Amino acid sequence: MFMRDDIFKAIPLARHQIRHVYPLVRLFHPALSLDEWLHYAQNSIRKPSGVVTIQDSRDCINAAFIYTVDARIARGPLLRITELMVGRLPGSLINHAIMESIKRLACESGSEAVEISLPSALEYAVDPAWRTALTESGFSTRTTSMIRRLAPMPSVVQSLLLAQSGPAGL
């Protein structure tokens, strides 16, 4: 997947490249450990999903996103883009490269529509240039997502310890 002018290229992330994306991931998710990223990315590169990186001619990763292709009732497949991480670069070439790679991915997957989830403005500062690039590419806000944060689940280890020790007081 090469971009026009070959300044940027979109490359599906292979298992052996997962560590190379971690510096960019840390910019957007500073609390995420390398092990957590490795686990998440390894699960994300299974079909019909994956991780796409946007790299320059020096193979420096300037952007990455996760995609899934979802089947829908009474409609064609939906390409979902999440975890969009874009390094700040001057100009709009990186934005155009991302949009081109998403268009190609939609065509390759036979998707009828594309949904891009942007991080909440409360959690991250969304670059106005990126919003402009999305709008110029024909994207518009169609729905509102409501998210409820759940209490953290006990770890698997804690659950196993509780199961082994039996009910308290017995």
Protein backbone atom coordinates (compact mmCIF):
# COMPACT_ATOMS: atom_id res chain seq x y z
CA MET A 1 0.00 0.00 0.00
CA PHE A 2 2.16 2.90 -1.17
CA MET A 3 0.96 6.50 -1.05
CA ARG A 4 1.24 9.05 -3.80
CA ASP A 5 4.70 10.56 -4.10
CA ASP A 6 5.95 7.67 -1.93
CA ILE A 7 6.53 10.05 0.99
CA PHE A 8 4.42 7.87 3.26
CA LYS A 9 3.47 4.24 2.96
CA ALA A 10 0.78 2.30 4.77
CA ILE A 11 2.03 -1.02 6.04
CA PRO A 12 -0.04 -3.68 7.79
CA LEU A 13 1.71 -4.46 11.06
CA ALA A 14 3.36 -7.88 11.18
CA ARG A 15 3.88 -9.72 14.47
CA HIS A 16 7.65 -9.12 14.43
CA GLN A 17 7.12 -5.32 14.07
CA ILE A 18 4.79 -4.77 17.05
CA ARG A 19 7.53 -3.41 19.33
CA HIS A 20 8.42 -0.71 16.78
CA VAL A 21 5.02 0.99 17.23
CA TYR A 22 5.30 1.22 21.01
CA PRO A 23 7.04 4.68 21.12
CA LEU A 24 4.10 6.19 19.21
CA VAL A 25 1.59 4.32 21.38
CA ARG A 26 3.25 5.70 24.53
CA LEU A 27 2.64 9.27 23.32
CA PHE A 28 -1.10 8.60 23.39
CA HIS A 29 -1.27 6.05 26.21
CA PRO A 30 1.56 6.85 28.65
CA ALA A 31 0.33 4.43 31.31
CA LEU A 32 0.32 1.45 28.92
CA SER A 33 3.22 -0.94 29.51
CA LEU A 34 5.11 -2.62 26.69
CA ASP A 35 3.67 -6.00 27.73
CA GLU A 36 0.12 -4.63 27.64
CA TRP A 37 0.73 -3.18 24.17
CA LEU A 38 2.26 -6.44 22.91
CA HIS A 39 -0.74 -8.42 24.15
CA TYR A 40 -3.26 -5.95 22.69
CA ALA A 41 -1.52 -5.68 19.32
CA GLN A 42 -1.04 -9.44 18.95
CA ASN A 43 -4.76 -9.92 19.46
CA SER A 44 -5.57 -7.04 17.09
CA ILE A 45 -3.65 -8.36 14.09
CA ARG A 46 -5.94 -11.35 13.65
CA LYS A 47 -8.37 -11.32 10.71
CA PRO A 48 -10.77 -9.57 10.18
CA SER A 49 -8.84 -6.94 12.09
CA GLY A 50 -5.37 -5.51 12.12
CA VAL A 51 -3.01 -2.67 12.82
CA VAL A 52 -1.87 -0.35 10.02
CA THR A 53 1.15 1.91 10.35
CA ILE A 54 1.98 4.94 8.24
CA GLN A 55 5.74 5.13 7.72
CA ASP A 56 8.00 7.58 5.98
CA SER A 57 10.87 6.74 3.62
CA ARG A 58 13.18 6.16 6.61
CA ASP A 59 10.70 3.58 8.00
CA CYS A 60 9.87 5.90 10.91
CA ILE A 61 6.32 5.19 12.15
CA ASN A 62 4.38 8.47 12.10
CA ALA A 63 0.86 7.11 12.60
CA ALA A 64 -0.98 3.90 13.41
CA PHE A 65 -4.54 2.70 13.78
CA ILE A 66 -6.50 -0.44 14.57
CA TYR A 67 -9.16 -1.65 12.16
CA THR A 68 -11.89 -4.25 12.27
CA VAL A 69 -14.36 -5.31 9.61
CA ASP A 70 -17.79 -5.96 11.09
CA ALA A 71 -20.65 -7.80 9.42
CA ARG A 72 -23.97 -5.98 9.72
CA ILE A 73 -27.57 -7.07 9.37
CA ALA A 74 -29.19 -5.83 6.14
CA ARG A 75 -26.11 -3.84 5.11
CA GLY A 76 -22.65 -4.53 3.77
CA PRO A 77 -19.53 -4.79 5.95
CA LEU A 78 -18.46 -1.83 8.10
CA LEU A 79 -14.80 -0.87 8.42
CA ARG A 80 -14.16 0.47 11.94
CA ILE A 81 -11.06 2.53 12.67
CA THR A 82 -10.07 2.91 16.32
CA GLU A 83 -7.00 3.85 18.35
CA LEU A 84 -5.97 6.41 15.74
CA MET A 85 -2.55 7.71 16.79
CA VAL A 86 -0.98 10.43 14.64
CA GLY A 87 2.31 12.13 15.37
CA ARG A 88 2.32 15.88 14.92
CA LEU A 89 3.98 16.77 11.65
CA PRO A 90 3.85 20.02 9.70
CA GLY A 91 1.48 20.09 6.78
CA SER A 92 -1.32 17.73 5.90
CA LEU A 93 0.47 14.94 3.98
CA ILE A 94 0.25 12.52 6.89
CA ASN A 95 -3.51 13.09 7.13
CA HIS A 96 -3.92 12.47 3.41
CA ALA A 97 -1.81 9.31 3.68
CA ILE A 98 -4.03 7.99 6.47
CA MET A 99 -7.20 8.75 4.52
CA GLU A 100 -5.79 7.05 1.39
CA SER A 101 -4.87 3.95 3.39
CA ILE A 102 -8.36 3.82 4.94
CA LYS A 103 -9.98 4.14 1.48
CA ARG A 104 -7.84 1.30 0.14
CA LEU A 105 -8.58 -0.86 3.16
CA ALA A 106 -12.31 -0.23 2.73
CA CYS A 107 -12.10 -1.27 -0.93
CA GLU A 108 -10.01 -4.36 -0.13
CA SER A 109 -12.46 -5.45 2.58
CA GLY A 110 -15.56 -4.72 0.50
CA SER A 111 -16.83 -2.39 3.22
CA GLU A 112 -19.95 -0.35 2.54
CA ALA A 113 -19.12 2.29 5.15
CA VAL A 114 -16.25 3.48 7.34
CA GLU A 115 -16.57 4.52 10.98
CA ILE A 116 -13.68 6.35 12.64
CA SER A 117 -13.75 6.67 16.41
CA LEU A 118 -11.79 9.64 17.65
CA PRO A 119 -10.66 9.92 21.25
CA SER A 120 -12.72 12.10 23.54
CA ALA A 121 -11.61 15.71 23.65
CA LEU A 122 -11.64 15.36 27.44
CA GLU A 123 -8.98 12.66 27.29
CA TYR A 124 -6.82 13.89 24.40
CA ALA A 125 -6.41 17.06 22.43
CA VAL A 126 -7.72 16.21 18.97
CA ASP A 127 -5.72 18.09 16.36
CA PRO A 128 -7.99 20.54 14.46
CA ALA A 129 -6.07 19.75 11.25
CA TRP A 130 -7.10 16.12 11.61
CA ARG A 131 -10.77 17.05 12.05
CA THR A 132 -10.47 19.20 8.91
CA ALA A 133 -8.92 16.32 6.97
CA LEU A 134 -11.78 14.03 8.01
CA THR A 135 -14.42 16.59 7.03
CA GLU A 136 -12.75 17.25 3.68
CA SER A 137 -12.73 13.48 3.04
CA GLY A 138 -16.50 13.34 3.47
CA PHE A 139 -16.77 12.17 7.08
CA SER A 140 -19.43 13.62 9.34
CA THR A 141 -20.68 13.01 12.84
CA ARG A 142 -23.66 10.68 12.64
CA THR A 143 -24.11 9.25 16.12
CA THR A 144 -23.07 9.87 19.66
CA SER A 145 -21.46 7.13 21.68
CA MET A 146 -22.27 6.89 25.33
CA ILE A 147 -19.52 5.29 27.40
CA ARG A 148 -19.74 4.17 30.99
CA ARG A 149 -16.53 3.31 32.75
CA LEU A 150 -16.86 0.12 34.74
CA ALA A 151 -15.18 -0.68 38.02
CA PRO A 152 -11.96 -2.60 37.42
CA MET A 153 -12.45 -6.35 37.33
CA PRO A 154 -10.42 -8.42 39.79
CA SER A 155 -7.36 -9.85 38.16
CA VAL A 156 -7.34 -13.43 36.98
CA VAL A 157 -4.78 -14.24 39.69
CA GLN A 158 -7.04 -12.87 42.44
CA SER A 159 -9.98 -14.84 41.05
CA LEU A 160 -7.93 -18.04 41.00
CA LEU A 161 -6.71 -17.48 44.56
CA LEU A 162 -10.28 -16.92 45.76
CA ALA A 163 -11.45 -20.06 43.96
CA GLN A 164 -8.64 -22.17 45.48
CA SER A 165 -9.13 -20.92 49.04
CA GLY A 166 -12.89 -21.52 48.98
CA PRO A 167 -15.50 -19.42 50.76
CA ALA A 168 -14.27 -17.30 53.66
CA GLY A 169 -14.65 -18.83 57.11
CA LEU A 170 -14.78 -22.47 55.94
